[in-house]
N, C-alpha and C. Protein backbone atom coordinates (compact mmCIF):
# COMPACT_ATOMS: atom_id res chain seq x y z
N UNK A 1 0.91 -1.21 0.07
CA UNK A 1 0.04 -0.03 0.02
C UNK A 1 0.95 1.31 -0.01
N UNK A 2 0.44 2.19 -0.92
CA UNK A 2 1.52 3.40 -1.07
C UNK A 2 1.06 4.46 -0.06
N UNK A 3 1.95 5.35 0.32
CA UNK A 3 1.63 6.51 0.97
C UNK A 3 0.60 7.45 0.38
N UNK A 4 0.17 7.25 -0.82
CA UNK A 4 -0.81 8.22 -1.42
C UNK A 4 -2.19 7.49 -1.42
N UNK A 5 -2.47 6.43 -0.94
CA UNK A 5 -3.62 5.69 -0.84
C UNK A 5 -4.46 6.33 0.25
N UNK A 6 -3.80 6.58 1.44
CA UNK A 6 -4.87 7.09 2.46
C UNK A 6 -5.28 8.67 2.26
N UNK A 7 -4.38 9.27 1.51
CA UNK A 7 -4.74 10.60 1.14
C UNK A 7 -5.77 10.83 -0.04
N UNK A 8 -5.52 9.86 -0.97
CA UNK A 8 -6.74 9.66 -2.01
C UNK A 8 -7.87 9.30 -1.37
N UNK A 9 -7.95 8.34 -0.48
CA UNK A 9 -9.22 7.87 0.06
C UNK A 9 -9.91 9.00 0.91
N UNK A 10 -9.09 9.75 1.67
CA UNK A 10 -9.64 10.92 2.46
C UNK A 10 -10.30 12.00 1.36
N UNK A 11 -9.62 12.15 0.32
CA UNK A 11 -10.12 13.03 -0.60
C UNK A 11 -11.43 12.81 -1.15
N UNK A 12 -11.55 11.50 -1.59
CA UNK A 12 -12.74 11.03 -2.21
C UNK A 12 -13.76 10.96 -1.13
N UNK A 13 -13.48 10.64 -0.04
CA UNK A 13 -14.59 10.46 1.11
C UNK A 13 -15.05 12.02 1.41
N UNK A 14 -14.27 12.99 1.43
CA UNK A 14 -14.63 14.31 1.42
C UNK A 14 -15.69 14.80 0.48
N UNK A 15 -15.18 14.52 -0.84
CA UNK A 15 -16.03 14.85 -1.86
C UNK A 15 -17.31 14.21 -1.88
N UNK A 16 -17.47 12.95 -1.49
CA UNK A 16 -18.63 12.25 -1.40
C UNK A 16 -19.71 12.82 -0.34
N UNK A 17 -19.01 13.20 0.91
CA UNK A 17 -19.76 13.73 1.92
C UNK A 17 -20.13 15.07 1.67
N UNK A 18 -19.32 16.06 1.03
CA UNK A 18 -19.87 17.31 0.50
C UNK A 18 -20.94 17.19 -0.38
N UNK A 19 -20.96 16.41 -1.38
CA UNK A 19 -21.96 16.18 -2.24
C UNK A 19 -23.32 15.77 -1.74
N UNK A 20 -23.23 14.87 -0.64
CA UNK A 20 -24.43 14.42 -0.11
C UNK A 20 -24.96 15.62 0.89
N UNK A 21 -24.16 16.37 1.51
CA UNK A 21 -24.70 17.48 2.36
C UNK A 21 -25.41 18.52 1.44
N UNK A 22 -24.90 18.92 0.38
CA UNK A 22 -25.50 19.69 -0.53
C UNK A 22 -26.85 19.31 -1.02
N UNK A 23 -26.99 18.01 -1.30
CA UNK A 23 -28.45 17.34 -1.77
C UNK A 23 -29.26 17.52 -0.46
N UNK A 24 -28.90 16.97 0.56
CA UNK A 24 -29.56 17.00 1.86
C UNK A 24 -30.18 18.42 2.21
N UNK A 25 -29.28 19.47 2.16
CA UNK A 25 -29.70 20.75 2.58
C UNK A 25 -30.82 21.36 1.74
N UNK A 26 -30.84 20.98 0.47
CA UNK A 26 -31.88 21.44 -0.47
C UNK A 26 -33.16 20.73 -0.12
N UNK A 27 -33.12 19.62 0.30
CA UNK A 27 -34.46 19.04 0.64
C UNK A 27 -34.87 19.47 2.02
N UNK A 28 -34.05 19.70 2.95
CA UNK A 28 -34.37 20.26 4.20
C UNK A 28 -35.08 21.68 4.05
N UNK A 29 -34.42 22.45 3.26
CA UNK A 29 -34.90 23.71 3.01
C UNK A 29 -36.35 23.81 2.48
N UNK A 30 -36.47 22.98 1.63
CA UNK A 30 -37.86 22.61 1.04
C UNK A 30 -38.85 22.30 2.04
N UNK A 31 -38.60 21.78 3.16
CA UNK A 31 -39.58 21.34 4.18
C UNK A 31 -39.60 22.22 5.28
N UNK A 32 -38.95 23.34 5.15
CA UNK A 32 -39.03 24.35 6.26
C UNK A 32 -39.59 25.61 5.85
N UNK A 33 -40.02 26.55 6.86
CA UNK A 33 -40.52 27.72 6.60
C UNK A 33 -39.89 28.88 7.61
N UNK A 34 -40.10 30.06 7.31
CA UNK A 34 -39.56 31.07 8.28
C UNK A 34 -40.90 31.33 9.10
N UNK A 35 -40.57 31.32 10.48
CA UNK A 35 -41.57 31.52 11.40
C UNK A 35 -41.23 32.83 12.25
N UNK A 36 -42.05 33.77 12.22
CA UNK A 36 -41.75 34.92 12.88
C UNK A 36 -42.51 35.10 14.34
N UNK A 37 -41.84 35.80 15.30
CA UNK A 37 -42.61 36.03 16.53
C UNK A 37 -42.33 35.11 17.71
N UNK A 38 -41.72 34.14 17.28
CA UNK A 38 -41.54 33.03 18.48
C UNK A 38 -40.22 32.80 18.89
N UNK A 39 -39.14 33.63 18.42
CA UNK A 39 -37.86 33.39 18.70
C UNK A 39 -37.34 34.05 20.07
N UNK A 40 -36.70 33.19 20.85
CA UNK A 40 -36.12 33.70 22.09
C UNK A 40 -34.93 34.72 21.75
N UNK A 41 -34.60 35.56 22.52
CA UNK A 41 -33.75 36.57 22.30
C UNK A 41 -32.42 36.09 22.07
N UNK A 42 -31.73 36.44 20.93
CA UNK A 42 -30.27 36.08 20.52
C UNK A 42 -30.49 34.64 19.76
N UNK A 43 -31.52 34.27 19.34
CA UNK A 43 -31.54 32.97 18.89
C UNK A 43 -32.34 32.98 17.31
N UNK A 44 -32.35 34.07 16.70
CA UNK A 44 -33.06 34.10 15.47
C UNK A 44 -31.96 33.64 14.43
N UNK A 45 -32.68 33.30 13.26
CA UNK A 45 -31.90 32.56 12.14
C UNK A 45 -31.05 33.52 11.13
N UNK A 46 -31.62 34.78 11.23
CA UNK A 46 -31.23 35.77 10.20
C UNK A 46 -31.40 37.16 10.68
N UNK A 47 -31.20 38.02 9.81
CA UNK A 47 -31.22 39.53 10.17
C UNK A 47 -32.71 39.92 10.48
N UNK A 48 -32.77 41.05 11.06
CA UNK A 48 -34.12 41.56 11.31
C UNK A 48 -34.05 43.01 10.76
N UNK A 49 -35.21 43.79 10.98
CA UNK A 49 -35.02 45.15 10.62
C UNK A 49 -34.24 46.02 11.53
N UNK A 50 -33.83 45.54 12.68
CA UNK A 50 -33.07 46.32 13.62
C UNK A 50 -31.69 45.65 13.97
N UNK A 51 -31.29 44.44 13.46
CA UNK A 51 -30.17 43.84 13.41
C UNK A 51 -29.63 43.20 12.43
N UNK A 52 -28.34 43.13 12.24
CA UNK A 52 -27.78 42.70 10.89
C UNK A 52 -27.43 41.25 10.73
N UNK A 53 -27.52 40.40 11.75
CA UNK A 53 -27.12 39.08 11.45
C UNK A 53 -27.89 38.00 12.46
N UNK A 54 -27.70 36.84 12.21
CA UNK A 54 -28.28 35.81 13.07
C UNK A 54 -27.79 35.91 14.58
N UNK A 55 -28.75 35.43 15.47
CA UNK A 55 -28.30 35.47 16.78
C UNK A 55 -28.38 36.98 17.54
N UNK A 56 -28.91 37.86 16.82
CA UNK A 56 -28.98 39.20 17.32
C UNK A 56 -30.27 39.86 17.64
N UNK A 57 -31.26 39.04 17.74
CA UNK A 57 -32.58 39.53 18.21
C UNK A 57 -32.41 40.00 19.57
N UNK A 58 -33.32 41.24 19.97
CA UNK A 58 -33.10 41.73 21.27
C UNK A 58 -34.00 41.37 22.54
N UNK A 59 -35.09 40.70 22.01
CA UNK A 59 -36.12 40.31 23.00
C UNK A 59 -36.76 39.11 22.54
N UNK A 60 -37.40 38.39 23.56
CA UNK A 60 -38.18 37.27 23.22
C UNK A 60 -39.52 37.52 22.39
N UNK A 61 -39.68 36.81 21.29
CA UNK A 61 -41.05 36.99 20.61
C UNK A 61 -40.81 38.41 19.78
N UNK A 62 -39.62 38.73 19.29
CA UNK A 62 -39.36 39.85 18.46
C UNK A 62 -40.24 39.63 17.16
N UNK A 63 -41.22 40.64 16.75
CA UNK A 63 -42.08 40.40 15.60
C UNK A 63 -41.35 40.21 14.23
N UNK A 64 -40.11 40.83 14.21
CA UNK A 64 -39.54 40.52 12.74
C UNK A 64 -38.41 39.62 12.78
N UNK A 65 -38.16 38.81 13.88
CA UNK A 65 -37.16 37.92 14.04
C UNK A 65 -37.73 36.63 13.56
N UNK A 66 -37.10 35.82 12.84
CA UNK A 66 -37.55 34.40 12.33
C UNK A 66 -36.61 33.38 12.73
N UNK A 67 -37.18 32.22 12.75
CA UNK A 67 -36.49 30.77 12.82
C UNK A 67 -37.08 29.99 11.83
N UNK A 68 -36.15 29.10 11.37
CA UNK A 68 -36.70 27.99 10.33
C UNK A 68 -37.33 26.90 11.25
N UNK A 69 -38.61 26.51 10.76
CA UNK A 69 -39.34 25.35 11.46
C UNK A 69 -39.91 24.56 10.33
N UNK A 70 -40.19 23.30 10.64
CA UNK A 70 -40.71 22.42 9.80
C UNK A 70 -42.14 23.09 9.33
N UNK A 71 -42.36 22.93 7.94
CA UNK A 71 -43.59 23.49 7.36
C UNK A 71 -44.86 22.92 8.10
N UNK A 72 -45.85 23.84 8.31
CA UNK A 72 -47.03 23.54 9.13
C UNK A 72 -46.92 23.59 10.58
N UNK A 73 -45.71 23.90 11.21
CA UNK A 73 -45.73 24.00 12.71
C UNK A 73 -45.71 25.46 13.29
N UNK A 74 -45.42 26.40 12.35
CA UNK A 74 -45.36 27.72 12.95
C UNK A 74 -46.64 28.22 13.37
N UNK A 75 -47.81 28.09 12.59
CA UNK A 75 -48.85 28.69 12.93
C UNK A 75 -49.65 27.92 14.08
N UNK A 76 -49.08 26.75 14.52
CA UNK A 76 -49.56 25.93 15.68
C UNK A 76 -49.09 26.69 16.96
N UNK A 77 -48.01 27.55 17.02
CA UNK A 77 -47.31 28.07 18.11
C UNK A 77 -47.96 29.46 18.42
N UNK A 78 -48.32 29.60 19.65
CA UNK A 78 -48.83 30.91 20.01
C UNK A 78 -48.03 32.13 19.66
N UNK A 79 -48.52 33.03 18.91
CA UNK A 79 -47.60 34.18 18.38
C UNK A 79 -46.98 33.91 17.17
N UNK A 80 -47.00 32.64 16.67
CA UNK A 80 -46.22 32.21 15.42
C UNK A 80 -46.89 32.92 14.29
N UNK A 81 -46.14 33.42 13.24
CA UNK A 81 -46.69 34.01 12.00
C UNK A 81 -45.69 33.68 10.72
N UNK A 82 -46.40 33.56 9.61
CA UNK A 82 -45.54 33.32 8.45
C UNK A 82 -45.01 34.56 8.06
N UNK A 83 -45.59 35.66 8.46
CA UNK A 83 -45.21 37.10 7.79
C UNK A 83 -44.59 37.89 9.02
N UNK A 84 -43.66 38.72 8.74
CA UNK A 84 -43.10 39.55 9.71
C UNK A 84 -44.00 40.65 10.19
N UNK A 85 -44.15 41.14 11.33
CA UNK A 85 -44.85 42.22 11.87
C UNK A 85 -44.05 43.27 12.30
N UNK A 86 -44.51 44.48 11.99
CA UNK A 86 -43.76 45.85 12.44
C UNK A 86 -43.61 45.83 13.84
């Protein structure tokens, strides 16, 4: 067995894992929806009108902060909305 075999095996494994991850994330995103108004402070998934990045919501239940949830579950949560509120 040559010294190149483990390196080649690791490279192939990395490519296979990366390809599987890309396919998996597309199907996950299709089964998810943005849910506004239910996020705990600092746990939002993306920017809001008043903050520039994920994890920066300032209060629990901030109306314009969202988190990804499985489709159909947001409106089952008290205060959950598929639309941002001002």
